[in-house]
Protein backbone atom coordinates (compact mmCIF):
# COMPACT_ATOMS: atom_id res chain seq x y z
CA MET A 1 28.20 14.07 -10.37
CA ASN A 2 26.23 12.94 -13.25
CA LEU A 3 23.20 15.52 -13.93
CA LEU A 4 20.94 15.07 -16.73
CA ASN A 5 22.20 17.07 -19.83
CA PRO A 6 18.95 19.68 -21.11
CA PHE A 7 17.78 17.14 -23.64
CA LYS A 8 17.15 14.45 -21.26
CA LYS A 9 15.38 16.69 -19.19
CA PHE A 10 13.14 18.00 -21.82
CA GLY A 11 12.68 14.43 -22.86
CA LEU A 12 11.19 14.11 -19.25
CA VAL A 13 9.18 16.44 -19.24
CA ALA A 14 7.64 15.76 -22.22
CA MET A 15 7.02 12.11 -21.23
CA LEU A 16 5.34 13.11 -18.27
CA ALA A 17 3.26 15.52 -20.19
CA LEU A 18 2.34 13.11 -22.88
CA ILE A 19 1.31 10.51 -20.13
CA ALA A 20 -0.77 13.34 -18.07
CA THR A 21 -2.85 13.65 -21.30
CA THR A 22 -3.17 10.16 -22.15
CA SER A 23 -4.33 9.19 -18.45
CA ALA A 24 -7.30 11.79 -18.95
CA HIS A 25 -8.91 9.92 -21.70
CA ALA A 26 -8.71 6.85 -20.31
CA GLY A 27 -11.92 4.62 -20.13
CA THR A 28 -14.10 6.56 -22.56
CA ASP A 29 -13.27 3.93 -25.35
CA THR A 30 -16.19 1.64 -25.53
CA THR A 31 -14.86 -0.61 -28.60
CA PHE A 32 -14.44 -3.70 -26.16
CA ASP A 33 -17.12 -3.40 -24.21
CA SER A 34 -19.13 -6.46 -25.43
CA ILE A 35 -16.47 -8.48 -25.29
CA LEU A 36 -15.76 -7.71 -21.94
CA ASN A 37 -19.03 -7.97 -20.78
CA LEU A 38 -19.15 -11.59 -22.18
CA VAL A 39 -15.93 -12.84 -20.36
CA VAL A 40 -16.86 -11.15 -17.24
CA GLY A 41 -20.08 -12.89 -17.62
CA TRP A 42 -18.61 -16.01 -18.23
CA ALA A 43 -16.26 -15.80 -15.15
CA GLU A 44 -18.88 -14.77 -12.90
CA GLY A 45 -21.60 -17.13 -14.11
CA SER A 46 -21.81 -20.90 -14.69
CA LEU A 47 -18.75 -21.62 -16.39
CA GLY A 48 -16.74 -19.52 -13.54
CA LYS A 49 -18.32 -21.73 -10.84
CA LEU A 50 -17.62 -24.84 -12.71
CA LEU A 51 -14.08 -23.72 -13.00
CA SER A 52 -13.79 -22.91 -9.48
CA VAL A 53 -15.49 -26.43 -8.28
CA ALA A 54 -13.51 -28.16 -10.61
CA ALA A 55 -10.20 -26.51 -9.41
CA PHE A 56 -11.33 -27.13 -5.66
CA ILE A 57 -11.66 -30.79 -6.08
CA ILE A 58 -8.64 -31.38 -8.49
CA GLY A 59 -6.60 -29.61 -5.70
CA MET A 60 -8.30 -31.77 -2.94
CA GLY A 61 -7.17 -34.81 -5.07
CA ILE A 62 -3.79 -33.93 -5.53
CA GLY A 63 -3.90 -32.91 -1.59
CA LEU A 64 -4.55 -36.24 -1.13
CA VAL A 65 -2.15 -37.98 -3.34
CA ARG A 66 0.50 -35.95 -2.07
CA GLN A 67 -0.28 -35.84 1.68
CA SER A 68 -0.40 -31.75 1.27
CA VAL A 69 -3.14 -29.07 2.00
CA MET A 70 -1.06 -26.69 -0.30
CA ALA A 71 -2.84 -27.93 -3.48
CA ILE A 72 -6.35 -27.46 -1.84
CA VAL A 73 -5.14 -23.81 -0.95
CA LEU A 74 -4.16 -23.20 -4.40
CA GLY A 75 -7.54 -24.56 -5.56
CA LEU A 76 -9.35 -22.23 -3.09
CA ALA A 77 -7.18 -19.18 -4.17
CA PHE A 78 -8.38 -19.88 -7.90
CA ALA A 79 -12.10 -20.07 -6.93
CA LEU A 80 -11.77 -16.73 -4.85
CA VAL A 81 -9.74 -15.19 -7.73
CA MET A 82 -12.22 -16.81 -10.39
CA PHE A 83 -15.32 -15.15 -8.00
CA TYR A 84 -13.93 -11.58 -6.80
CA GLY A 85 -11.35 -11.17 -9.44
CA PRO A 86 -13.73 -9.42 -12.42
CA ALA A 87 -15.18 -7.28 -9.74
CA LEU A 88 -11.80 -6.12 -8.26
CA ILE A 89 -10.68 -5.42 -11.82
CA ASN A 90 -13.07 -3.46 -12.80
CA SER A 91 -13.48 -1.15 -9.50
CA LEU A 92 -9.65 -0.37 -9.98
CA ALA A 93 -9.87 0.29 -13.62
CA THR A 94 -13.04 2.74 -12.83
CA PHE A 95 -11.31 4.00 -9.99
CA ALA A 96 -7.97 5.14 -12.29
CA VAL A 97 -10.19 7.17 -14.65
């Protein structure tokens, strides 16, 4: 039987305590808020729409050349991730706090 020795048990408890105390302060830092807002604005704004439309058109072109629907599906998936991704990640990050 392989039981944890007391030092490993203490290390595990100390690590869990450290994680519990650090997660209580997550999300309170505003150092990168301006950069975050800039990148989210790009993704949800005209740049995100341009990239989404371009990915869809390129996917359609590759799909026509290869006679496959998979490239169109990937272009559509990229467009959906660009549109819904920032809001989804933001809601997950604020939910965890």
